[in-house]
């Protein structure tokens, strides 16, 4: 576990007017330097990651696009040994569609 970590996410949904139902969001995650294994024989570097969201809701239908790792930052989510270090995902876009009854 890192000694320091922080996340901030915000989202705004328009409640009226021509943009009613549109949601915009953004967030930032910081993870500090941390041990790469249980013996702390190496360290994983700190990183900052930015994400964003755009979505739309109409009646019971909702669609969204999540943009993850906007700056395509190389980061490592975990380690196990010096030869088994697991990188986090690069820039990616995840879409979703939902129906609420």
PDB file of N, CA and C in Angstrom:
ATOM      1  N   UNK A   1       0.839  -1.172   0.000  1.00  0.00           N
ATOM      2  CA  UNK A   1       0.000   0.000   0.000  1.00  0.00           C
ATOM      3  C   UNK A   1       0.895   1.250   0.000  1.00  0.00           C
ATOM      4  N   UNK A   2       0.516   2.246  -0.779  1.00  0.00           N
ATOM      5  CA  UNK A   2       1.275   3.494  -0.757  1.00  0.00           C
ATOM      6  C   UNK A   2       0.989   4.261   0.534  1.00  0.00           C
ATOM      7  N   UNK A   3       1.932   5.058   0.935  1.00  0.00           N
ATOM      8  CA  UNK A   3       1.715   5.909   2.107  1.00  0.00           C
ATOM      9  C   UNK A   3       0.713   7.016   1.780  1.00  0.00           C
ATOM     10  N   UNK A   4       0.723   7.492   0.529  1.00  0.00           N
ATOM     11  CA  UNK A   4      -0.183   8.558   0.108  1.00  0.00           C
ATOM     12  C   UNK A   4      -0.946   8.148  -1.146  1.00  0.00           C
ATOM     13  N   UNK A   5      -2.253   8.381  -1.128  1.00  0.00           N
ATOM     14  CA  UNK A   5      -3.105   8.147  -2.293  1.00  0.00           C
ATOM     15  C   UNK A   5      -4.323   9.058  -2.176  1.00  0.00           C
ATOM     16  N   UNK A   6      -4.831   9.526  -3.308  1.00  0.00           N
ATOM     17  CA  UNK A   6      -6.005  10.406  -3.288  1.00  0.00           C
ATOM     18  C   UNK A   6      -6.773  10.258  -4.593  1.00  0.00           C
ATOM     19  N   UNK A   7      -8.081  10.425  -4.511  1.00  0.00           N
ATOM     20  CA  UNK A   7      -8.956  10.388  -5.682  1.00  0.00           C
ATOM     21  C   UNK A   7      -9.957  11.531  -5.565  1.00  0.00           C
ATOM     22  N   UNK A   8     -10.248  12.158  -6.677  1.00  0.00           N
ATOM     23  CA  UNK A   8     -11.276  13.195  -6.724  1.00  0.00           C
ATOM     24  C   UNK A   8     -12.059  12.987  -8.002  1.00  0.00           C
ATOM     25  N   UNK A   9     -13.382  12.908  -7.889  1.00  0.00           N
ATOM     26  CA  UNK A   9     -14.248  12.723  -9.049  1.00  0.00           C
ATOM     27  C   UNK A   9     -15.435  13.653  -8.886  1.00  0.00           C
ATOM     28  N   UNK A  10     -15.813  14.303  -9.960  1.00  0.00           N
ATOM     29  CA  UNK A  10     -17.000  15.153  -9.936  1.00  0.00           C
ATOM     30  C   UNK A  10     -17.807  14.915 -11.201  1.00  0.00           C
ATOM     31  N   UNK A  11     -19.124  15.139 -11.060  1.00  0.00           N
ATOM     32  CA  UNK A  11     -20.028  14.904 -12.193  1.00  0.00           C
ATOM     33  C   UNK A  11     -21.153  15.930 -12.108  1.00  0.00           C
ATOM     34  N   UNK A  12     -21.502  16.478 -13.243  1.00  0.00           N
ATOM     35  CA  UNK A  12     -22.607  17.431 -13.295  1.00  0.00           C
ATOM     36  C   UNK A  12     -23.612  16.949 -14.338  1.00  0.00           C
ATOM     37  N   UNK A  13     -24.888  16.933 -13.951  1.00  0.00           N
ATOM     38  CA  UNK A  13     -25.962  16.558 -14.860  1.00  0.00           C
ATOM     39  C   UNK A  13     -26.875  17.765 -15.049  1.00  0.00           C
ATOM     40  N   UNK A  14     -27.072  18.163 -16.294  1.00  0.00           N
ATOM     41  CA  UNK A  14     -27.949  19.287 -16.604  1.00  0.00           C
ATOM     42  C   UNK A  14     -29.391  18.882 -16.297  1.00  0.00           C
ATOM     43  N   UNK A  15     -30.099  19.745 -15.565  1.00  0.00           N
ATOM     44  CA  UNK A  15     -31.451  19.441 -15.115  1.00  0.00           C
ATOM     45  C   UNK A  15     -32.549  20.059 -15.975  1.00  0.00           C
ATOM     46  N   UNK A  16     -32.199  21.008 -16.836  1.00  0.00           N
ATOM     47  CA  UNK A  16     -33.209  21.656 -17.663  1.00  0.00           C
ATOM     48  C   UNK A  16     -32.595  22.239 -18.922  1.00  0.00           C
ATOM     49  N   UNK A  17     -33.444  22.796 -19.764  1.00  0.00           N
ATOM     50  CA  UNK A  17     -32.970  23.420 -20.986  1.00  0.00           C
ATOM     51  C   UNK A  17     -32.622  22.410 -22.060  1.00  0.00           C
ATOM     52  N   UNK A  18     -31.956  22.876 -23.117  1.00  0.00           N
ATOM     53  CA  UNK A  18     -31.651  21.991 -24.252  1.00  0.00           C
ATOM     54  C   UNK A  18     -30.642  20.885 -23.913  1.00  0.00           C
ATOM     55  N   UNK A  19     -29.900  21.025 -22.828  1.00  0.00           N
ATOM     56  CA  UNK A  19     -28.909  20.005 -22.444  1.00  0.00           C
ATOM     57  C   UNK A  19     -29.425  19.072 -21.350  1.00  0.00           C
ATOM     58  N   UNK A  20     -30.718  19.147 -21.037  1.00  0.00           N
ATOM     59  CA  UNK A  20     -31.291  18.317 -19.980  1.00  0.00           C
ATOM     60  C   UNK A  20     -30.957  16.844 -20.217  1.00  0.00           C
ATOM     61  N   UNK A  21     -30.436  16.202 -19.186  1.00  0.00           N
ATOM     62  CA  UNK A  21     -30.070  14.789 -19.263  1.00  0.00           C
ATOM     63  C   UNK A  21     -28.615  14.531 -19.581  1.00  0.00           C
ATOM     64  N   UNK A  22     -27.889  15.557 -20.041  1.00  0.00           N
ATOM     65  CA  UNK A  22     -26.467  15.409 -20.357  1.00  0.00           C
ATOM     66  C   UNK A  22     -25.642  15.460 -19.078  1.00  0.00           C
ATOM     67  N   UNK A  23     -24.709  14.541 -18.941  1.00  0.00           N
ATOM     68  CA  UNK A  23     -23.798  14.511 -17.793  1.00  0.00           C
ATOM     69  C   UNK A  23     -22.365  14.636 -18.275  1.00  0.00           C
ATOM     70  N   UNK A  24     -21.589  15.447 -17.559  1.00  0.00           N
ATOM     71  CA  UNK A  24     -20.153  15.596 -17.806  1.00  0.00           C
ATOM     72  C   UNK A  24     -19.442  15.353 -16.490  1.00  0.00           C
ATOM     73  N   UNK A  25     -18.346  14.623 -16.546  1.00  0.00           N
ATOM     74  CA  UNK A  25     -17.608  14.344 -15.322  1.00  0.00           C
ATOM     75  C   UNK A  25     -16.122  14.246 -15.583  1.00  0.00           C
ATOM     76  N   UNK A  26     -15.375  14.331 -14.514  1.00  0.00           N
ATOM     77  CA  UNK A  26     -13.930  14.209 -14.608  1.00  0.00           C
ATOM     78  C   UNK A  26     -13.338  13.856 -13.264  1.00  0.00           C
ATOM     79  N   UNK A  27     -12.173  13.253 -13.301  1.00  0.00           N
ATOM     80  CA  UNK A  27     -11.536  12.869 -12.057  1.00  0.00           C
ATOM     81  C   UNK A  27     -10.039  12.723 -12.205  1.00  0.00           C
ATOM     82  N   UNK A  28      -9.394  12.712 -11.059  1.00  0.00           N
ATOM     83  CA  UNK A  28      -7.948  12.536 -11.002  1.00  0.00           C
ATOM     84  C   UNK A  28      -7.640  11.562  -9.863  1.00  0.00           C
ATOM     85  N   UNK A  29      -6.675  10.695 -10.081  1.00  0.00           N
ATOM     86  CA  UNK A  29      -6.219   9.742  -9.065  1.00  0.00           C
ATOM     87  C   UNK A  29      -4.716   9.885  -8.900  1.00  0.00           C
ATOM     88  N   UNK A  30      -4.289   9.915  -7.646  1.00  0.00           N
ATOM     89  CA  UNK A  30      -2.860   9.946  -7.335  1.00  0.00           C
ATOM     90  C   UNK A  30      -2.546   8.734  -6.470  1.00  0.00           C
ATOM     91  N   UNK A  31      -1.501   8.003  -6.829  1.00  0.00           N
ATOM     92  CA  UNK A  31      -1.016   6.882  -6.028  1.00  0.00           C
ATOM     93  C   UNK A  31       0.475   7.098  -5.838  1.00  0.00           C
ATOM     94  N   UNK A  32       0.910   7.141  -4.590  1.00  0.00           N
ATOM     95  CA  UNK A  32       2.315   7.374  -4.279  1.00  0.00           C
ATOM     96  C   UNK A  32       3.178   6.136  -4.482  1.00  0.00           C
ATOM     97  N   UNK A  33       4.460   6.345  -4.357  1.00  0.00           N
ATOM     98  CA  UNK A  33       5.413   5.240  -4.455  1.00  0.00           C
ATOM     99  C   UNK A  33       5.060   4.188  -3.407  1.00  0.00           C
ATOM    100  N   UNK A  34       5.247   2.912  -3.770  1.00  0.00           N
ATOM    101  CA  UNK A  34       4.880   1.834  -2.866  1.00  0.00           C
ATOM    102  C   UNK A  34       5.751   0.610  -3.109  1.00  0.00           C
ATOM    103  N   UNK A  35       5.768  -0.313  -2.131  1.00  0.00           N
ATOM    104  CA  UNK A  35       6.559  -1.531  -2.307  1.00  0.00           C
ATOM    105  C   UNK A  35       6.043  -2.362  -3.469  1.00  0.00           C
ATOM    106  N   UNK A  36       6.946  -2.969  -4.200  1.00  0.00           N
ATOM    107  CA  UNK A  36       6.563  -3.830  -5.306  1.00  0.00           C
ATOM    108  C   UNK A  36       6.316  -5.266  -4.886  1.00  0.00           C
ATOM    109  N   UNK A  37       6.845  -5.656  -3.719  1.00  0.00           N
ATOM    110  CA  UNK A  37       6.619  -7.007  -3.210  1.00  0.00           C
ATOM    111  C   UNK A  37       6.569  -6.954  -1.686  1.00  0.00           C
ATOM    112  N   UNK A  38       6.284  -8.084  -1.069  1.00  0.00           N
ATOM    113  CA  UNK A  38       6.140  -8.122   0.387  1.00  0.00           C
ATOM    114  C   UNK A  38       7.438  -7.818   1.128  1.00  0.00           C
ATOM    115  N   UNK A  39       8.575  -8.062   0.497  1.00  0.00           N
ATOM    116  CA  UNK A  39       9.868  -7.806   1.133  1.00  0.00           C
ATOM    117  C   UNK A  39      10.359  -6.380   0.900  1.00  0.00           C
ATOM    118  N   UNK A  40       9.626  -5.612   0.108  1.00  0.00           N
ATOM    119  CA  UNK A  40      10.009  -4.240  -0.246  1.00  0.00           C
ATOM    120  C   UNK A  40      11.397  -4.214  -0.889  1.00  0.00           C
ATOM    121  N   UNK A  41      11.640  -5.216  -1.769  1.00  0.00           N
ATOM    122  CA  UNK A  41      12.945  -5.297  -2.419  1.00  0.00           C
ATOM    123  C   UNK A  41      13.042  -4.357  -3.622  1.00  0.00           C
ATOM    124  N   UNK A  42      11.924  -3.813  -4.067  1.00  0.00           N
ATOM    125  CA  UNK A  42      11.912  -2.792  -5.116  1.00  0.00           C
ATOM    126  C   UNK A  42      10.657  -1.954  -4.930  1.00  0.00           C
ATOM    127  N   UNK A  43      10.614  -0.795  -5.569  1.00  0.00           N
ATOM    128  CA  UNK A  43       9.503   0.139  -5.398  1.00  0.00           C
ATOM    129  C   UNK A  43       8.792   0.373  -6.728  1.00  0.00           C
ATOM    130  N   UNK A  44       7.475   0.481  -6.671  1.00  0.00           N
ATOM    131  CA  UNK A  44       6.687   0.890  -7.836  1.00  0.00           C
ATOM    132  C   UNK A  44       6.568   2.412  -7.795  1.00  0.00           C
ATOM    133  N   UNK A  45       6.724   3.084  -8.933  1.00  0.00           N
ATOM    134  CA  UNK A  45       6.724   4.552  -8.934  1.00  0.00           C
ATOM    135  C   UNK A  45       5.326   5.129  -8.730  1.00  0.00           C
ATOM    136  N   UNK A  46       5.300   6.372  -8.257  1.00  0.00           N
ATOM    137  CA  UNK A  46       4.036   7.094  -8.102  1.00  0.00           C
ATOM    138  C   UNK A  46       3.467   7.448  -9.473  1.00  0.00           C
ATOM    139  N   UNK A  47       2.163   7.732  -9.514  1.00  0.00           N
ATOM    140  CA  UNK A  47       1.558   8.173 -10.768  1.00  0.00           C
ATOM    141  C   UNK A  47       0.310   9.005 -10.493  1.00  0.00           C
ATOM    142  N   UNK A  48      -0.058   9.779 -11.513  1.00  0.00           N
ATOM    143  CA  UNK A  48      -1.297  10.548 -11.520  1.00  0.00           C
ATOM    144  C   UNK A  48      -2.042  10.142 -12.782  1.00  0.00           C
ATOM    145  N   UNK A  49      -3.326   9.855 -12.629  1.00  0.00           N
ATOM    146  CA  UNK A  49      -4.159   9.426 -13.762  1.00  0.00           C
ATOM    147  C   UNK A  49      -5.408  10.293 -13.839  1.00  0.00           C
ATOM    148  N   UNK A  50      -5.789  10.693 -15.064  1.00  0.00           N
ATOM    149  CA  UNK A  50      -6.967  11.527 -15.287  1.00  0.00           C
ATOM    150  C   UNK A  50      -8.012  10.736 -16.070  1.00  0.00           C
ATOM    151  N   UNK A  51      -9.275  10.882 -15.668  1.00  0.00           N
ATOM    152  CA  UNK A  51     -10.385  10.210 -16.329  1.00  0.00           C
ATOM    153  C   UNK A  51     -11.491  11.220 -16.620  1.00  0.00           C
ATOM    154  N   UNK A  52     -12.387  10.889 -17.545  1.00  0.00           N
ATOM    155  CA  UNK A  52     -13.503  11.771 -17.881  1.00  0.00           C
ATOM    156  C   UNK A  52     -14.722  10.936 -18.263  1.00  0.00           C
ATOM    157  N   UNK A  53     -15.884  11.581 -18.246  1.00  0.00           N
ATOM    158  CA  UNK A  53     -17.134  10.908 -18.561  1.00  0.00           C
ATOM    159  C   UNK A  53     -18.048  11.855 -19.317  1.00  0.00           C
ATOM    160  N   UNK A  54     -18.770  11.323 -20.277  1.00  0.00           N
ATOM    161  CA  UNK A  54     -19.882  12.036 -20.903  1.00  0.00           C
ATOM    162  C   UNK A  54     -21.027  11.025 -21.000  1.00  0.00           C
ATOM    163  N   UNK A  55     -22.192  11.471 -20.576  1.00  0.00           N
ATOM    164  CA  UNK A  55     -23.332  10.555 -20.582  1.00  0.00           C
ATOM    165  C   UNK A  55     -24.614  11.304 -20.890  1.00  0.00           C
ATOM    166  N   UNK A  56     -25.639  10.531 -21.184  1.00  0.00           N
ATOM    167  CA  UNK A  56     -26.935  11.129 -21.483  1.00  0.00           C
ATOM    168  C   UNK A  56     -28.032  10.202 -20.980  1.00  0.00           C
ATOM    169  N   UNK A  57     -29.016  10.801 -20.317  1.00  0.00           N
ATOM    170  CA  UNK A  57     -30.167  10.040 -19.816  1.00  0.00           C
ATOM    171  C   UNK A  57     -31.435  10.618 -20.417  1.00  0.00           C
ATOM    172  N   UNK A  58     -32.271   9.727 -20.963  1.00  0.00           N
ATOM    173  CA  UNK A  58     -33.570  10.121 -21.508  1.00  0.00           C
ATOM    174  C   UNK A  58     -34.593   9.099 -21.021  1.00  0.00           C
ATOM    175  N   UNK A  59     -35.510   9.569 -20.191  1.00  0.00           N
ATOM    176  CA  UNK A  59     -36.486   8.689 -19.542  1.00  0.00           C
ATOM    177  C   UNK A  59     -35.754   7.566 -18.817  1.00  0.00           C
ATOM    178  N   UNK A  60     -36.023   6.304 -19.151  1.00  0.00           N
ATOM    179  CA  UNK A  60     -35.337   5.219 -18.442  1.00  0.00           C
ATOM    180  C   UNK A  60     -34.070   4.744 -19.148  1.00  0.00           C
ATOM    181  N   UNK A  61     -33.696   5.390 -20.240  1.00  0.00           N
ATOM    182  CA  UNK A  61     -32.503   4.988 -21.007  1.00  0.00           C
ATOM    183  C   UNK A  61     -31.301   5.851 -20.627  1.00  0.00           C
ATOM    184  N   UNK A  62     -30.156   5.220 -20.545  1.00  0.00           N
ATOM    185  CA  UNK A  62     -28.924   5.940 -20.215  1.00  0.00           C
ATOM    186  C   UNK A  62     -27.776   5.369 -21.038  1.00  0.00           C
ATOM    187  N   UNK A  63     -26.956   6.260 -21.579  1.00  0.00           N
ATOM    188  CA  UNK A  63     -25.753   5.869 -22.317  1.00  0.00           C
ATOM    189  C   UNK A  63     -24.589   6.700 -21.794  1.00  0.00           C
ATOM    190  N   UNK A  64     -23.409   6.123 -21.757  1.00  0.00           N
ATOM    191  CA  UNK A  64     -22.243   6.844 -21.251  1.00  0.00           C
ATOM    192  C   UNK A  64     -20.972   6.372 -21.945  1.00  0.00           C
ATOM    193  N   UNK A  65     -20.015   7.285 -22.032  1.00  0.00           N
ATOM    194  CA  UNK A  65     -18.656   6.970 -22.460  1.00  0.00           C
ATOM    195  C   UNK A  65     -17.717   7.383 -21.344  1.00  0.00           C
ATOM    196  N   UNK A  66     -16.901   6.455 -20.881  1.00  0.00           N
ATOM    197  CA  UNK A  66     -15.884   6.737 -19.866  1.00  0.00           C
ATOM    198  C   UNK A  66     -14.521   6.730 -20.546  1.00  0.00           C
ATOM    199  N   UNK A  67     -13.789   7.806 -20.389  1.00  0.00           N
ATOM    200  CA  UNK A  67     -12.439   7.938 -20.949  1.00  0.00           C
ATOM    201  C   UNK A  67     -11.457   7.747 -19.803  1.00  0.00           C
ATOM    202  N   UNK A  68     -10.715   6.668 -19.842  1.00  0.00           N
ATOM    203  CA  UNK A  68      -9.816   6.319 -18.754  1.00  0.00           C
ATOM    204  C   UNK A  68      -8.363   6.548 -19.161  1.00  0.00           C
ATOM    205  N   UNK A  69      -7.591   7.097 -18.216  1.00  0.00           N
ATOM    206  CA  UNK A  69      -6.171   7.377 -18.424  1.00  0.00           C
ATOM    207  C   UNK A  69      -5.985   8.302 -19.632  1.00  0.00           C
ATOM    208  N   UNK A  70      -6.599   9.480 -19.554  1.00  0.00           N
ATOM    209  CA  UNK A  70      -6.606  10.436 -20.666  1.00  0.00           C
ATOM    210  C   UNK A  70      -5.223  10.773 -21.208  1.00  0.00           C
ATOM    211  N   UNK A  71      -4.230  10.854 -20.357  1.00  0.00           N
ATOM    212  CA  UNK A  71      -2.885  11.235 -20.787  1.00  0.00           C
ATOM    213  C   UNK A  71      -2.018  10.027 -21.140  1.00  0.00           C
ATOM    214  N   UNK A  72      -2.639   8.829 -21.137  1.00  0.00           N
ATOM    215  CA  UNK A  72      -1.922   7.603 -21.470  1.00  0.00           C
ATOM    216  C   UNK A  72      -0.670   7.414 -20.605  1.00  0.00           C
ATOM    217  N   UNK A  73      -0.799   7.722 -19.330  1.00  0.00           N
ATOM    218  CA  UNK A  73       0.301   7.619 -18.382  1.00  0.00           C
ATOM    219  C   UNK A  73       0.669   6.161 -18.131  1.00  0.00           C
ATOM    220  N   UNK A  74       1.946   5.842 -18.217  1.00  0.00           N
ATOM    221  CA  UNK A  74       2.408   4.506 -17.852  1.00  0.00           C
ATOM    222  C   UNK A  74       2.377   4.410 -16.336  1.00  0.00           C
ATOM    223  N   UNK A  75       1.641   3.445 -15.835  1.00  0.00           N
ATOM    224  CA  UNK A  75       1.553   3.256 -14.391  1.00  0.00           C
ATOM    225  C   UNK A  75       1.445   1.763 -14.089  1.00  0.00           C
ATOM    226  N   UNK A  76       1.799   1.407 -12.873  1.00  0.00           N
ATOM    227  CA  UNK A  76       1.824   0.009 -12.472  1.00  0.00           C
ATOM    228  C   UNK A  76       0.863  -0.182 -11.310  1.00  0.00           C
ATOM    229  N   UNK A  77      -0.066  -1.125 -11.473  1.00  0.00           N
ATOM    230  CA  UNK A  77      -1.083  -1.335 -10.453  1.00  0.00           C
ATOM    231  C   UNK A  77      -0.629  -2.304  -9.376  1.00  0.00           C
ATOM    232  N   UNK A  78       0.276  -3.210  -9.719  1.00  0.00           N
ATOM    233  CA  UNK A  78       0.782  -4.126  -8.704  1.00  0.00           C
ATOM    234  C   UNK A  78       2.044  -4.813  -9.200  1.00  0.00           C
ATOM    235  N   UNK A  79       2.696  -5.441  -8.265  1.00  0.00           N
ATOM    236  CA  UNK A  79       3.892  -6.213  -8.570  1.00  0.00           C
ATOM    237  C   UNK A  79       3.833  -7.517  -7.796  1.00  0.00           C
ATOM    238  N   UNK A  80       4.759  -8.363  -8.042  1.00  0.00           N
ATOM    239  CA  UNK A  80       4.846  -9.637  -7.333  1.00  0.00           C
ATOM    240  C   UNK A  80       6.301 -10.030  -7.207  1.00  0.00           C
ATOM    241  N   UNK A  81       7.027  -9.722  -8.269  1.00  0.00           N
ATOM    242  CA  UNK A  81       8.475  -9.916  -8.292  1.00  0.00           C
ATOM    243  C   UNK A  81       9.009  -8.957  -9.346  1.00  0.00           C
ATOM    244  N   UNK A  82      10.280  -8.829  -9.410  1.00  0.00           N
ATOM    245  CA  UNK A  82      10.864  -7.901 -10.392  1.00  0.00           C
ATOM    246  C   UNK A  82      10.530  -8.299 -11.836  1.00  0.00           C
ATOM    247  N   UNK A  83      10.188  -9.547 -12.048  1.00  0.00           N
ATOM    248  CA  UNK A  83       9.854  -9.998 -13.396  1.00  0.00           C
ATOM    249  C   UNK A  83       8.345 -10.085 -13.630  1.00  0.00           C
ATOM    250  N   UNK A  84       7.540  -9.794 -12.614  1.00  0.00           N
ATOM    251  CA  UNK A  84       6.076  -9.854 -12.747  1.00  0.00           C
ATOM    252  C   UNK A  84       5.468  -8.556 -12.233  1.00  0.00           C
ATOM    253  N   UNK A  85       5.676  -7.490 -12.984  1.00  0.00           N
ATOM    254  CA  UNK A  85       5.111  -6.185 -12.641  1.00  0.00           C
ATOM    255  C   UNK A  85       3.933  -5.950 -13.572  1.00  0.00           C
ATOM    256  N   UNK A  86       2.773  -5.593 -13.021  1.00  0.00           N
ATOM    257  CA  UNK A  86       1.552  -5.494 -13.807  1.00  0.00           C
ATOM    258  C   UNK A  86       1.205  -4.039 -14.095  1.00  0.00           C
ATOM    259  N   UNK A  87       1.297  -3.647 -15.374  1.00  0.00           N
ATOM    260  CA  UNK A  87       0.975  -2.257 -15.726  1.00  0.00           C
ATOM    261  C   UNK A  87      -0.533  -2.036 -15.720  1.00  0.00           C
ATOM    262  N   UNK A  88      -0.909  -0.786 -15.459  1.00  0.00           N
ATOM    263  CA  UNK A  88      -2.303  -0.398 -15.575  1.00  0.00           C
ATOM    264  C   UNK A  88      -2.657  -0.217 -17.034  1.00  0.00           C
ATOM    265  N   UNK A  89      -3.939  -0.152 -17.333  1.00  0.00           N
ATOM    266  CA  UNK A  89      -4.353  -0.029 -18.729  1.00  0.00           C
ATOM    267  C   UNK A  89      -3.954   1.316 -19.336  1.00  0.00           C
ATOM    268  N   UNK A  90      -3.666   1.335 -20.634  1.00  0.00           N
ATOM    269  CA  UNK A  90      -3.376   2.593 -21.331  1.00  0.00           C
ATOM    270  C   UNK A  90      -4.685   3.350 -21.543  1.00  0.00           C
ATOM    271  N   UNK A  91      -4.640   4.455 -22.277  1.00  0.00           N
ATOM    272  CA  UNK A  91      -5.852   5.204 -22.590  1.00  0.00           C
ATOM    273  C   UNK A  91      -6.892   4.252 -23.175  1.00  0.00           C
ATOM    274  N   UNK A  92      -8.095   4.342 -22.664  1.00  0.00           N
ATOM    275  CA  UNK A  92      -9.164   3.489 -23.173  1.00  0.00           C
ATOM    276  C   UNK A  92     -10.502   4.200 -23.047  1.00  0.00           C
ATOM    277  N   UNK A  93     -11.439   3.757 -23.868  1.00  0.00           N
ATOM    278  CA  UNK A  93     -12.802   4.294 -23.845  1.00  0.00           C
ATOM    279  C   UNK A  93     -13.737   3.120 -23.602  1.00  0.00           C
ATOM    280  N   UNK A  94     -14.591   3.271 -22.594  1.00  0.00           N
ATOM    281  CA  UNK A  94     -15.547   2.230 -22.247  1.00  0.00           C
ATOM    282  C   UNK A  94     -16.948   2.811 -22.392  1.00  0.00           C
ATOM    283  N   UNK A  95     -17.756   2.175 -23.213  1.00  0.00           N
ATOM    284  CA  UNK A  95     -19.127   2.617 -23.403  1.00  0.00           C
ATOM    285  C   UNK A  95     -20.098   1.740 -22.647  1.00  0.00           C
ATOM    286  N   UNK A  96     -21.222   2.335 -22.243  1.00  0.00           N
ATOM    287  CA  UNK A  96     -22.255   1.552 -21.563  1.00  0.00           C
ATOM    288  C   UNK A  96     -23.634   2.065 -21.952  1.00  0.00           C
ATOM    289  N   UNK A  97     -24.577   1.148 -21.941  1.00  0.00           N
ATOM    290  CA  UNK A  97     -25.972   1.468 -22.182  1.00  0.00           C
ATOM    291  C   UNK A  97     -26.785   0.756 -21.117  1.00  0.00           C
ATOM    292  N   UNK A  98     -27.748   1.465 -20.520  1.00  0.00           N
ATOM    293  CA  UNK A  98     -28.553   0.868 -19.460  1.00  0.00           C
ATOM    294  C   UNK A  98     -30.013   1.271 -19.629  1.00  0.00           C
ATOM    295  N   UNK A  99     -30.872   0.391 -19.162  1.00  0.00           N
ATOM    296  CA  UNK A  99     -32.294   0.669 -19.114  1.00  0.00           C
ATOM    297  C   UNK A  99     -32.753   0.432 -17.682  1.00  0.00           C
ATOM    298  N   UNK A 100     -33.369   1.425 -17.080  1.00  0.00           N
ATOM    299  CA  UNK A 100     -33.872   1.313 -15.719  1.00  0.00           C
ATOM    300  C   UNK A 100     -35.395   1.207 -15.759  1.00  0.00           C
ATOM    301  N   UNK A 101     -35.949   0.180 -15.137  1.00  0.00           N
ATOM    302  CA  UNK A 101     -37.400   0.005 -15.118  1.00  0.00           C
ATOM    303  C   UNK A 101     -37.978   0.536 -13.832  1.00  0.00           C
TER     304      UNK A 101
END
